[in-house]
C-alpha atoms as a PDB file:
ATOM      1  CA  UNK A   1       1.522   7.155  45.420  1.00  0.00           C
ATOM      2  CA  UNK A   2       4.417   9.394  44.353  1.00  0.00           C
ATOM      3  CA  UNK A   3       6.653   6.331  44.091  1.00  0.00           C
ATOM      4  CA  UNK A   4       4.115   4.571  41.819  1.00  0.00           C
ATOM      5  CA  UNK A   5       3.873   7.605  39.548  1.00  0.00           C
ATOM      6  CA  UNK A   6       7.666   7.901  39.392  1.00  0.00           C
ATOM      7  CA  UNK A   7       8.029   4.187  38.608  1.00  0.00           C
ATOM      8  CA  UNK A   8       5.424   4.377  35.847  1.00  0.00           C
ATOM      9  CA  UNK A   9       7.158   7.424  34.373  1.00  0.00           C
ATOM     10  CA  UNK A  10      10.563   5.701  34.395  1.00  0.00           C
ATOM     11  CA  UNK A  11       9.144   2.555  32.767  1.00  0.00           C
ATOM     12  CA  UNK A  12       7.497   4.668  30.053  1.00  0.00           C
ATOM     13  CA  UNK A  13      10.713   6.607  29.434  1.00  0.00           C
ATOM     14  CA  UNK A  14      12.730   3.372  29.256  1.00  0.00           C
ATOM     15  CA  UNK A  15      10.306   1.820  26.756  1.00  0.00           C
ATOM     16  CA  UNK A  16      10.327   4.967  24.659  1.00  0.00           C
ATOM     17  CA  UNK A  17      14.156   5.063  24.629  1.00  0.00           C
ATOM     18  CA  UNK A  18      14.356   1.375  23.718  1.00  0.00           C
ATOM     19  CA  UNK A  19      11.931   1.894  20.866  1.00  0.00           C
ATOM     20  CA  UNK A  20      13.959   4.872  19.616  1.00  0.00           C
ATOM     21  CA  UNK A  21      17.155   2.819  19.731  1.00  0.00           C
ATOM     22  CA  UNK A  22      15.662  -0.085  17.753  1.00  0.00           C
ATOM     23  CA  UNK A  23      16.712   0.180  14.085  1.00  0.00           C
ATOM     24  CA  UNK A  24      14.019   0.523  11.456  1.00  0.00           C
ATOM     25  CA  UNK A  25      13.332  -2.566   9.316  1.00  0.00           C
ATOM     26  CA  UNK A  26      15.007  -2.752   5.928  1.00  0.00           C
ATOM     27  CA  UNK A  27      12.051  -2.649   3.521  1.00  0.00           C
ATOM     28  CA  UNK A  28      12.475  -4.437   0.187  1.00  0.00           C
ATOM     29  CA  UNK A  29      10.165  -3.970  -2.785  1.00  0.00           C
ATOM     30  CA  UNK A  30      10.037  -7.000  -5.064  1.00  0.00           C
ATOM     31  CA  UNK A  31       8.114  -8.472  -7.965  1.00  0.00           C
ATOM     32  CA  UNK A  32       7.332 -12.155  -8.489  1.00  0.00           C
ATOM     33  CA  UNK A  33      10.415 -12.713 -10.633  1.00  0.00           C
ATOM     34  CA  UNK A  34      14.163 -12.328 -10.394  1.00  0.00           C
ATOM     35  CA  UNK A  35      16.722 -12.799  -7.647  1.00  0.00           C
ATOM     36  CA  UNK A  36      14.829 -10.932  -4.933  1.00  0.00           C
ATOM     37  CA  UNK A  37      12.135 -13.625  -4.902  1.00  0.00           C
ATOM     38  CA  UNK A  38      14.776 -16.267  -4.214  1.00  0.00           C
ATOM     39  CA  UNK A  39      16.459 -14.033  -1.653  1.00  0.00           C
ATOM     40  CA  UNK A  40      13.149 -13.738   0.162  1.00  0.00           C
ATOM     41  CA  UNK A  41      12.431 -17.450  -0.038  1.00  0.00           C
ATOM     42  CA  UNK A  42      15.857 -18.485   1.259  1.00  0.00           C
ATOM     43  CA  UNK A  43      15.851 -15.944   4.129  1.00  0.00           C
ATOM     44  CA  UNK A  44      19.441 -15.079   3.226  1.00  0.00           C
ATOM     45  CA  UNK A  45      18.992 -11.369   3.812  1.00  0.00           C
ATOM     46  CA  UNK A  46      17.451 -11.824   7.234  1.00  0.00           C
ATOM     47  CA  UNK A  47      20.448 -13.931   8.263  1.00  0.00           C
ATOM     48  CA  UNK A  48      22.960 -11.420   6.888  1.00  0.00           C
ATOM     49  CA  UNK A  49      21.355  -8.411   8.581  1.00  0.00           C
ATOM     50  CA  UNK A  50      20.692 -10.089  11.912  1.00  0.00           C
ATOM     51  CA  UNK A  51      24.224  -9.209  13.073  1.00  0.00           C
ATOM     52  CA  UNK A  52      23.206  -5.560  12.647  1.00  0.00           C
ATOM     53  CA  UNK A  53      19.967  -6.186  14.565  1.00  0.00           C
ATOM     54  CA  UNK A  54      18.075  -5.161  11.408  1.00  0.00           C
ATOM     55  CA  UNK A  55      14.871  -6.945  10.449  1.00  0.00           C
ATOM     56  CA  UNK A  56      13.657  -7.255   6.861  1.00  0.00           C
ATOM     57  CA  UNK A  57      10.226  -6.371   5.554  1.00  0.00           C
ATOM     58  CA  UNK A  58       9.124  -7.537   2.073  1.00  0.00           C
ATOM     59  CA  UNK A  59       6.593  -5.611  -0.026  1.00  0.00           C
ATOM     60  CA  UNK A  60       5.247  -7.068  -3.270  1.00  0.00           C
ATOM     61  CA  UNK A  61       4.502  -5.054  -6.452  1.00  0.00           C
ATOM     62  CA  UNK A  62       3.083  -6.001  -9.855  1.00  0.00           C
ATOM     63  CA  UNK A  63       5.599  -3.883 -11.733  1.00  0.00           C
ATOM     64  CA  UNK A  64       8.398  -1.336 -11.388  1.00  0.00           C
ATOM     65  CA  UNK A  65       6.504   1.980 -11.558  1.00  0.00           C
ATOM     66  CA  UNK A  66       4.420   1.487  -8.378  1.00  0.00           C
ATOM     67  CA  UNK A  67       7.529   0.139  -6.637  1.00  0.00           C
ATOM     68  CA  UNK A  68       9.319   3.417  -7.305  1.00  0.00           C
ATOM     69  CA  UNK A  69       6.256   5.391  -6.246  1.00  0.00           C
ATOM     70  CA  UNK A  70       6.520   3.592  -2.913  1.00  0.00           C
ATOM     71  CA  UNK A  71      10.220   4.441  -2.684  1.00  0.00           C
ATOM     72  CA  UNK A  72       9.354   8.074  -3.348  1.00  0.00           C
ATOM     73  CA  UNK A  73       6.821   7.954  -0.530  1.00  0.00           C
ATOM     74  CA  UNK A  74       9.445   6.504   1.822  1.00  0.00           C
ATOM     75  CA  UNK A  75       7.585   3.190   2.112  1.00  0.00           C
ATOM     76  CA  UNK A  76      10.483   1.002   0.891  1.00  0.00           C
ATOM     77  CA  UNK A  77      14.272   1.284   0.995  1.00  0.00           C
ATOM     78  CA  UNK A  78      15.400  -1.034  -1.784  1.00  0.00           C
ATOM     79  CA  UNK A  79      13.964  -2.750  -4.851  1.00  0.00           C
ATOM     80  CA  UNK A  80      14.504  -4.134  -8.333  1.00  0.00           C
ATOM     81  CA  UNK A  81      13.016  -3.056 -11.656  1.00  0.00           C
ATOM     82  CA  UNK A  82      13.670  -3.131 -15.376  1.00  0.00           C
ATOM     83  CA  UNK A  83      15.401  -0.337 -17.278  1.00  0.00           C
ATOM     84  CA  UNK A  84      12.532   2.099 -17.781  1.00  0.00           C
ATOM     85  CA  UNK A  85      10.946   2.683 -14.321  1.00  0.00           C
ATOM     86  CA  UNK A  86      14.010   4.446 -12.852  1.00  0.00           C
ATOM     87  CA  UNK A  87      14.175   6.757 -15.865  1.00  0.00           C
ATOM     88  CA  UNK A  88      10.570   7.856 -15.384  1.00  0.00           C
ATOM     89  CA  UNK A  89      11.181   8.131 -11.631  1.00  0.00           C
ATOM     90  CA  UNK A  90      14.272  10.306 -12.066  1.00  0.00           C
ATOM     91  CA  UNK A  91      12.357  12.568 -14.449  1.00  0.00           C
ATOM     92  CA  UNK A  92       9.659  12.881 -11.771  1.00  0.00           C
ATOM     93  CA  UNK A  93      12.180  13.841  -9.075  1.00  0.00           C
ATOM     94  CA  UNK A  94      12.263  10.599  -7.069  1.00  0.00           C
ATOM     95  CA  UNK A  95      15.379  10.626  -4.863  1.00  0.00           C
ATOM     96  CA  UNK A  96      16.931   7.205  -5.474  1.00  0.00           C
ATOM     97  CA  UNK A  97      20.224   5.736  -6.695  1.00  0.00           C
ATOM     98  CA  UNK A  98      21.187   2.798  -8.886  1.00  0.00           C
ATOM     99  CA  UNK A  99      23.198   0.351  -6.745  1.00  0.00           C
ATOM    100  CA  UNK A 100      23.456  -2.712  -8.997  1.00  0.00           C
ATOM    101  CA  UNK A 101      22.609  -4.108 -12.402  1.00  0.00           C
ATOM    102  CA  UNK A 102      22.280  -7.290 -14.398  1.00  0.00           C
ATOM    103  CA  UNK A 103      22.216  -7.639 -18.198  1.00  0.00           C
ATOM    104  CA  UNK A 104      18.978  -8.559 -19.943  1.00  0.00           C
ATOM    105  CA  UNK A 105      19.271 -10.197 -23.351  1.00  0.00           C
ATOM    106  CA  UNK A 106      15.624  -9.691 -24.218  1.00  0.00           C
ATOM    107  CA  UNK A 107      14.830 -13.406 -24.446  1.00  0.00           C
ATOM    108  CA  UNK A 108      12.583 -13.081 -21.393  1.00  0.00           C
ATOM    109  CA  UNK A 109      10.174 -10.517 -22.875  1.00  0.00           C
ATOM    110  CA  UNK A 110       8.146 -10.266 -26.066  1.00  0.00           C
ATOM    111  CA  UNK A 111       5.356  -8.638 -28.012  1.00  0.00           C
ATOM    112  CA  UNK A 112       2.466 -11.082 -28.232  1.00  0.00           C
ATOM    113  CA  UNK A 113      -0.473 -11.170 -30.669  1.00  0.00           C
ATOM    114  CA  UNK A 114      -3.482 -13.398 -31.226  1.00  0.00           C
ATOM    115  CA  UNK A 115      -2.598 -16.468 -33.317  1.00  0.00           C
ATOM    116  CA  UNK A 116      -5.642 -16.066 -35.547  1.00  0.00           C
ATOM    117  CA  UNK A 117      -5.511 -12.275 -35.574  1.00  0.00           C
ATOM    118  CA  UNK A 118      -4.640  -9.873 -38.381  1.00  0.00           C
ATOM    119  CA  UNK A 119      -1.175  -8.888 -37.083  1.00  0.00           C
ATOM    120  CA  UNK A 120       1.571 -10.855 -38.861  1.00  0.00           C
ATOM    121  CA  UNK A 121       4.398  -8.323 -38.803  1.00  0.00           C
ATOM    122  CA  UNK A 122       5.391  -5.313 -36.737  1.00  0.00           C
ATOM    123  CA  UNK A 123       4.210  -3.078 -39.584  1.00  0.00           C
ATOM    124  CA  UNK A 124       0.710  -4.531 -39.057  1.00  0.00           C
ATOM    125  CA  UNK A 125       0.634  -2.909 -35.608  1.00  0.00           C
ATOM    126  CA  UNK A 126      -0.098   0.473 -37.167  1.00  0.00           C
ATOM    127  CA  UNK A 127      -3.323   1.781 -35.663  1.00  0.00           C
ATOM    128  CA  UNK A 128      -3.648  -1.243 -33.365  1.00  0.00           C
ATOM    129  CA  UNK A 129      -4.313  -1.324 -29.621  1.00  0.00           C
ATOM    130  CA  UNK A 130      -1.227  -2.449 -27.693  1.00  0.00           C
ATOM    131  CA  UNK A 131      -1.347  -3.287 -23.997  1.00  0.00           C
ATOM    132  CA  UNK A 132       1.754  -2.230 -22.074  1.00  0.00           C
ATOM    133  CA  UNK A 133       2.582  -1.159 -18.534  1.00  0.00           C
ATOM    134  CA  UNK A 134       3.497   2.516 -18.726  1.00  0.00           C
ATOM    135  CA  UNK A 135       7.007   3.295 -17.567  1.00  0.00           C
ATOM    136  CA  UNK A 136       7.990  -0.388 -17.461  1.00  0.00           C
ATOM    137  CA  UNK A 137      10.719  -2.217 -19.375  1.00  0.00           C
ATOM    138  CA  UNK A 138       7.994  -3.448 -21.732  1.00  0.00           C
ATOM    139  CA  UNK A 139       7.325   0.201 -22.613  1.00  0.00           C
ATOM    140  CA  UNK A 140      10.862   0.561 -23.952  1.00  0.00           C
ATOM    141  CA  UNK A 141      10.582  -2.777 -25.758  1.00  0.00           C
ATOM    142  CA  UNK A 142       7.534  -1.691 -27.737  1.00  0.00           C
ATOM    143  CA  UNK A 143       9.206   1.633 -28.577  1.00  0.00           C
ATOM    144  CA  UNK A 144      12.232  -0.218 -29.978  1.00  0.00           C
ATOM    145  CA  UNK A 145      10.137  -2.821 -31.786  1.00  0.00           C
ATOM    146  CA  UNK A 146       8.044  -0.147 -33.493  1.00  0.00           C
ATOM    147  CA  UNK A 147      11.119   1.877 -34.424  1.00  0.00           C
ATOM    148  CA  UNK A 148      12.532  -1.148 -36.214  1.00  0.00           C
ATOM    149  CA  UNK A 149       9.553  -1.003 -38.581  1.00  0.00           C
ATOM    150  CA  UNK A 150       9.680   2.772 -39.000  1.00  0.00           C
ATOM    151  CA  UNK A 151       6.810   3.339 -36.554  1.00  0.00           C
ATOM    152  CA  UNK A 152       6.450   5.167 -33.244  1.00  0.00           C
ATOM    153  CA  UNK A 153       3.982   5.251 -30.378  1.00  0.00           C
ATOM    154  CA  UNK A 154       2.086   7.917 -32.316  1.00  0.00           C
ATOM    155  CA  UNK A 155       1.283   5.289 -34.955  1.00  0.00           C
ATOM    156  CA  UNK A 156      -0.425   2.886 -32.512  1.00  0.00           C
ATOM    157  CA  UNK A 157      -2.869   3.056 -29.615  1.00  0.00           C
ATOM    158  CA  UNK A 158      -1.009   2.299 -26.382  1.00  0.00           C
ATOM    159  CA  UNK A 159      -3.326   0.938 -23.709  1.00  0.00           C
ATOM    160  CA  UNK A 160      -1.572   1.407 -20.384  1.00  0.00           C
ATOM    161  CA  UNK A 161      -2.384  -1.454 -18.015  1.00  0.00           C
ATOM    162  CA  UNK A 162      -0.725  -3.341 -15.185  1.00  0.00           C
ATOM    163  CA  UNK A 163       0.198  -6.948 -16.145  1.00  0.00           C
ATOM    164  CA  UNK A 164      -2.821  -8.705 -14.604  1.00  0.00           C
ATOM    165  CA  UNK A 165      -5.252  -6.317 -16.322  1.00  0.00           C
ATOM    166  CA  UNK A 166      -3.295  -6.490 -19.582  1.00  0.00           C
ATOM    167  CA  UNK A 167      -3.462 -10.302 -19.510  1.00  0.00           C
ATOM    168  CA  UNK A 168      -7.248 -10.171 -19.116  1.00  0.00           C
ATOM    169  CA  UNK A 169      -7.602  -7.616 -21.928  1.00  0.00           C
ATOM    170  CA  UNK A 170      -5.404  -9.696 -24.221  1.00  0.00           C
ATOM    171  CA  UNK A 171      -7.352 -12.906 -23.547  1.00  0.00           C
ATOM    172  CA  UNK A 172     -10.638 -11.093 -24.146  1.00  0.00           C
ATOM    173  CA  UNK A 173      -9.428  -9.643 -27.458  1.00  0.00           C
ATOM    174  CA  UNK A 174      -9.802  -6.066 -26.190  1.00  0.00           C
ATOM    175  CA  UNK A 175      -6.263  -5.330 -27.386  1.00  0.00           C
ATOM    176  CA  UNK A 176      -4.431  -6.502 -30.501  1.00  0.00           C
ATOM    177  CA  UNK A 177      -0.988  -6.981 -28.948  1.00  0.00           C
ATOM    178  CA  UNK A 178       0.714  -7.122 -25.584  1.00  0.00           C
ATOM    179  CA  UNK A 179       4.294  -6.137 -24.657  1.00  0.00           C
ATOM    180  CA  UNK A 180       5.217  -8.150 -21.563  1.00  0.00           C
ATOM    181  CA  UNK A 181       7.966  -9.959 -19.606  1.00  0.00           C
ATOM    182  CA  UNK A 182       8.300 -13.337 -17.846  1.00  0.00           C
ATOM    183  CA  UNK A 183       6.618 -15.101 -16.183  1.00  0.00           C
ATOM    184  CA  UNK A 184       3.541 -13.463 -17.753  1.00  0.00           C
ATOM    185  CA  UNK A 185       5.109 -13.942 -21.202  1.00  0.00           C
ATOM    186  CA  UNK A 186       5.850 -17.637 -20.608  1.00  0.00           C
ATOM    187  CA  UNK A 187       2.334 -18.218 -19.294  1.00  0.00           C
ATOM    188  CA  UNK A 188       0.637 -16.492 -22.246  1.00  0.00           C
ATOM    189  CA  UNK A 189       2.989 -18.129 -24.747  1.00  0.00           C
ATOM    190  CA  UNK A 190       1.743 -21.597 -23.817  1.00  0.00           C
ATOM    191  CA  UNK A 191      -1.776 -20.667 -24.897  1.00  0.00           C
ATOM    192  CA  UNK A 192      -2.249 -21.997 -28.474  1.00  0.00           C
ATOM    193  CA  UNK A 193      -4.252 -18.874 -29.282  1.00  0.00           C
ATOM    194  CA  UNK A 194      -1.168 -16.722 -28.658  1.00  0.00           C
ATOM    195  CA  UNK A 195       1.678 -16.051 -31.076  1.00  0.00           C
ATOM    196  CA  UNK A 196       5.020 -14.347 -30.420  1.00  0.00           C
ATOM    197  CA  UNK A 197       5.345 -11.463 -32.856  1.00  0.00           C
ATOM    198  CA  UNK A 198       8.898 -10.695 -31.731  1.00  0.00           C
ATOM    199  CA  UNK A 199      11.019 -11.113 -28.640  1.00  0.00           C
ATOM    200  CA  UNK A 200      12.713  -8.206 -26.879  1.00  0.00           C
ATOM    201  CA  UNK A 201      16.105  -9.336 -28.186  1.00  0.00           C
ATOM    202  CA  UNK A 202      15.898  -6.307 -30.483  1.00  0.00           C
ATOM    203  CA  UNK A 203      16.256  -4.202 -27.314  1.00  0.00           C
ATOM    204  CA  UNK A 204      18.878  -5.756 -25.015  1.00  0.00           C
ATOM    205  CA  UNK A 205      19.239  -3.731 -21.847  1.00  0.00           C
ATOM    206  CA  UNK A 206      19.607  -4.142 -18.076  1.00  0.00           C
ATOM    207  CA  UNK A 207      17.595  -4.605 -14.943  1.00  0.00           C
ATOM    208  CA  UNK A 208      18.545  -2.626 -11.854  1.00  0.00           C
ATOM    209  CA  UNK A 209      18.661  -2.682  -8.095  1.00  0.00           C
ATOM    210  CA  UNK A 210      17.751   0.663  -6.558  1.00  0.00           C
ATOM    211  CA  UNK A 211      17.910   2.227  -3.108  1.00  0.00           C
ATOM    212  CA  UNK A 212      16.870   5.404  -1.366  1.00  0.00           C
ATOM    213  CA  UNK A 213      19.698   7.886  -1.882  1.00  0.00           C
ATOM    214  CA  UNK A 214      19.788   8.965   1.769  1.00  0.00           C
ATOM    215  CA  UNK A 215      20.145   5.384   2.958  1.00  0.00           C
ATOM    216  CA  UNK A 216      22.865   4.476   0.424  1.00  0.00           C
ATOM    217  CA  UNK A 217      24.876   7.580   1.336  1.00  0.00           C
ATOM    218  CA  UNK A 218      24.416   7.135   5.083  1.00  0.00           C
ATOM    219  CA  UNK A 219      25.156   3.395   5.243  1.00  0.00           C
ATOM    220  CA  UNK A 220      27.133   2.176   2.210  1.00  0.00           C
ATOM    221  CA  UNK A 221      28.209  -0.966   4.072  1.00  0.00           C
ATOM    222  CA  UNK A 222      24.567  -1.970   4.399  1.00  0.00           C
ATOM    223  CA  UNK A 223      24.043  -1.615   0.647  1.00  0.00           C
ATOM    224  CA  UNK A 224      27.168  -3.690  -0.034  1.00  0.00           C
ATOM    225  CA  UNK A 225      25.947  -6.402   2.361  1.00  0.00           C
ATOM    226  CA  UNK A 226      22.541  -6.459   0.663  1.00  0.00           C
ATOM    227  CA  UNK A 227      24.027  -6.590  -2.833  1.00  0.00           C
ATOM    228  CA  UNK A 228      26.314  -9.469  -1.829  1.00  0.00           C
ATOM    229  CA  UNK A 229      23.259 -11.446  -0.738  1.00  0.00           C
ATOM    230  CA  UNK A 230      21.409 -10.496  -3.934  1.00  0.00           C
ATOM    231  CA  UNK A 231      24.309 -11.784  -5.996  1.00  0.00           C
ATOM    232  CA  UNK A 232      24.533 -14.985  -3.948  1.00  0.00           C
ATOM    233  CA  UNK A 233      20.837 -15.625  -4.666  1.00  0.00           C
ATOM    234  CA  UNK A 234      21.450 -14.839  -8.335  1.00  0.00           C
ATOM    235  CA  UNK A 235      24.334 -17.303  -8.576  1.00  0.00           C
ATOM    236  CA  UNK A 236      22.236 -19.968  -6.850  1.00  0.00           C
ATOM    237  CA  UNK A 237      19.436 -19.359  -9.382  1.00  0.00           C
ATOM    238  CA  UNK A 238      21.833 -19.686 -12.290  1.00  0.00           C
ATOM    239  CA  UNK A 239      23.246 -22.971 -10.980  1.00  0.00           C
ATOM    240  CA  UNK A 240      19.980 -24.556  -9.789  1.00  0.00           C
ATOM    241  CA  UNK A 241      17.497 -24.069 -12.604  1.00  0.00           C
ATOM    242  CA  UNK A 242      15.272 -27.030 -11.733  1.00  0.00           C
ATOM    243  CA  UNK A 243      15.000 -26.017  -8.081  1.00  0.00           C
ATOM    244  CA  UNK A 244      14.505 -22.413  -9.180  1.00  0.00           C
ATOM    245  CA  UNK A 245      11.477 -23.371 -11.276  1.00  0.00           C
ATOM    246  CA  UNK A 246       9.976 -25.377  -8.415  1.00  0.00           C
ATOM    247  CA  UNK A 247      10.562 -22.559  -5.951  1.00  0.00           C
ATOM    248  CA  UNK A 248       9.007 -19.993  -8.257  1.00  0.00           C
ATOM    249  CA  UNK A 249       5.959 -22.237  -8.674  1.00  0.00           C
ATOM    250  CA  UNK A 250       5.540 -22.370  -4.898  1.00  0.00           C
ATOM    251  CA  UNK A 251       5.708 -18.589  -4.718  1.00  0.00           C
ATOM    252  CA  UNK A 252       3.634 -17.564  -7.734  1.00  0.00           C
ATOM    253  CA  UNK A 253       1.237 -20.476  -8.204  1.00  0.00           C
ATOM    254  CA  UNK A 254       2.220 -20.590 -11.886  1.00  0.00           C
ATOM    255  CA  UNK A 255       2.814 -24.179 -13.062  1.00  0.00           C
ATOM    256  CA  UNK A 256       6.346 -25.528 -12.957  1.00  0.00           C
ATOM    257  CA  UNK A 257       6.658 -26.080 -16.720  1.00  0.00           C
ATOM    258  CA  UNK A 258       5.969 -22.391 -17.354  1.00  0.00           C
ATOM    259  CA  UNK A 259       8.503 -21.478 -14.681  1.00  0.00           C
ATOM    260  CA  UNK A 260      11.091 -23.768 -16.310  1.00  0.00           C
ATOM    261  CA  UNK A 261      10.657 -21.828 -19.558  1.00  0.00           C
ATOM    262  CA  UNK A 262      11.077 -18.516 -17.741  1.00  0.00           C
ATOM    263  CA  UNK A 263      14.072 -19.759 -15.743  1.00  0.00           C
ATOM    264  CA  UNK A 264      15.914 -20.994 -18.833  1.00  0.00           C
ATOM    265  CA  UNK A 265      15.841 -17.596 -20.511  1.00  0.00           C
ATOM    266  CA  UNK A 266      16.507 -15.466 -17.438  1.00  0.00           C
ATOM    267  CA  UNK A 267      19.769 -13.731 -16.599  1.00  0.00           C
ATOM    268  CA  UNK A 268      21.123 -13.725 -13.076  1.00  0.00           C
ATOM    269  CA  UNK A 269      24.673 -12.421 -12.719  1.00  0.00           C
ATOM    270  CA  UNK A 270      24.687  -9.166 -10.735  1.00  0.00           C
ATOM    271  CA  UNK A 271      27.317  -6.439 -10.496  1.00  0.00           C
ATOM    272  CA  UNK A 272      27.792  -2.817  -9.556  1.00  0.00           C
ATOM    273  CA  UNK A 273      27.169  -0.419 -12.456  1.00  0.00           C
ATOM    274  CA  UNK A 274      29.901  -0.158 -15.068  1.00  0.00           C
ATOM    275  CA  UNK A 275      30.455   2.745 -17.460  1.00  0.00           C
ATOM    276  CA  UNK A 276      29.069   0.597 -20.283  1.00  0.00           C
ATOM    277  CA  UNK A 277      25.842  -0.051 -18.375  1.00  0.00           C
ATOM    278  CA  UNK A 278      25.478   3.649 -17.552  1.00  0.00           C
ATOM    279  CA  UNK A 279      25.897   4.555 -21.243  1.00  0.00           C
ATOM    280  CA  UNK A 280      23.330   1.946 -22.240  1.00  0.00           C
ATOM    281  CA  UNK A 281      20.847   3.226 -19.687  1.00  0.00           C
ATOM    282  CA  UNK A 282      21.448   6.812 -20.802  1.00  0.00           C
ATOM    283  CA  UNK A 283      20.530   5.768 -24.342  1.00  0.00           C
ATOM    284  CA  UNK A 284      17.215   4.406 -23.048  1.00  0.00           C
ATOM    285  CA  UNK A 285      16.574   7.675 -21.207  1.00  0.00           C
ATOM    286  CA  UNK A 286      17.433   9.753 -24.264  1.00  0.00           C
ATOM    287  CA  UNK A 287      15.024   7.676 -26.352  1.00  0.00           C
ATOM    288  CA  UNK A 288      12.106   8.520 -24.082  1.00  0.00           C
ATOM    289  CA  UNK A 289      13.098  12.174 -23.928  1.00  0.00           C
ATOM    290  CA  UNK A 290      13.361  12.311 -27.717  1.00  0.00           C
ATOM    291  CA  UNK A 291       9.824  10.928 -27.944  1.00  0.00           C
ATOM    292  CA  UNK A 292       8.665  13.550 -25.384  1.00  0.00           C
ATOM    293  CA  UNK A 293       7.404  10.740 -23.146  1.00  0.00           C
ATOM    294  CA  UNK A 294       9.378  12.207 -20.228  1.00  0.00           C
ATOM    295  CA  UNK A 295       9.429  16.002 -19.767  1.00  0.00           C
ATOM    296  CA  UNK A 296      13.161  16.506 -19.155  1.00  0.00           C
ATOM    297  CA  UNK A 297      16.427  14.921 -20.190  1.00  0.00           C
ATOM    298  CA  UNK A 298      17.820  12.990 -17.252  1.00  0.00           C
ATOM    299  CA  UNK A 299      21.478  12.401 -16.463  1.00  0.00           C
ATOM    300  CA  UNK A 300      21.675   8.747 -15.427  1.00  0.00           C
ATOM    301  CA  UNK A 301      25.211   9.049 -14.067  1.00  0.00           C
ATOM    302  CA  UNK A 302      24.030  11.648 -11.535  1.00  0.00           C
ATOM    303  CA  UNK A 303      22.045   8.967  -9.686  1.00  0.00           C
ATOM    304  CA  UNK A 304      24.572   6.113  -9.828  1.00  0.00           C
ATOM    305  CA  UNK A 305      25.830   5.110  -6.382  1.00  0.00           C
ATOM    306  CA  UNK A 306      29.507   4.302  -6.028  1.00  0.00           C
ATOM    307  CA  UNK A 307      30.437   1.445  -3.663  1.00  0.00           C
ATOM    308  CA  UNK A 308      33.399   1.883  -1.308  1.00  0.00           C
ATOM    309  CA  UNK A 309      36.720   1.699  -3.183  1.00  0.00           C
ATOM    310  CA  UNK A 310      37.865  -1.824  -3.952  1.00  0.00           C
ATOM    311  CA  UNK A 311      34.480  -3.430  -3.228  1.00  0.00           C
ATOM    312  CA  UNK A 312      33.496  -6.280  -5.539  1.00  0.00           C
ATOM    313  CA  UNK A 313      30.638  -8.752  -5.565  1.00  0.00           C
ATOM    314  CA  UNK A 314      31.515 -12.434  -5.436  1.00  0.00           C
ATOM    315  CA  UNK A 315      31.765 -13.826  -8.966  1.00  0.00           C
ATOM    316  CA  UNK A 316      31.805 -10.368 -10.585  1.00  0.00           C
ATOM    317  CA  UNK A 317      34.173  -9.634 -13.457  1.00  0.00           C
ATOM    318  CA  UNK A 318      37.492  -8.078 -12.307  1.00  0.00           C
END
């Protein structure tokens, strides 16, 4: 009997030790656009991290703000968003770092209105209801668009909705305009009852790859390995537009013609953050602070991760 008890105890202790030694999965937050979708579909990251005995877990989000809420809660380790979510997150005390960026021309986002509606210019938005996802890149776009006409958020009625709810409100006529990005933009644009008031080209910016600060500091080689795979997926997307559209259709269920439109105006080349990108992102942060949308002025550079000296991504500018 004593031998059986001892054996059971040793087996339990062994299992417990093995479980403790097993590395935690690398948890990636993604949206149904951009390079992370392709990375997930091609299983590139799983292959790259297998040599470290690290598994990959994928978690889907509608937009950047809830993705960063999950990072704050410790539910994900890595993710991608537009320019605005990390600014709001930093102001709220989320402990993350920027680990990569890609330029966004603004061709892939727009402010949409009803074709037969009363809004024919940005000035006509005064007093109107505008659907936008709070703290998203579309939030900054509408701020910049309004500023170009001498208006601010105080001159309109922002209706803060996630993309799916905003799409429904826009179709129903519950809002007068909608600030949104692809593929939602491309899908809505194909509706003859929709008109593009302006694209986001008035507000060129960047999208970002983000990681938990503790993880990036503890294992910089892991972050480099992940970013190399992200960039490989980005380069594949840039060079295989037709296949990209088909793949995105399989993933999202959005028709391939809409995905071709979105693919053609996307940007894909990824790099570590440069001084120019940091300055551009700081200008976005200062805009929101100046409007009193965030409570404190944030220092973007303070949360920029530095890769090991001499590290470059394949295809990045020297």
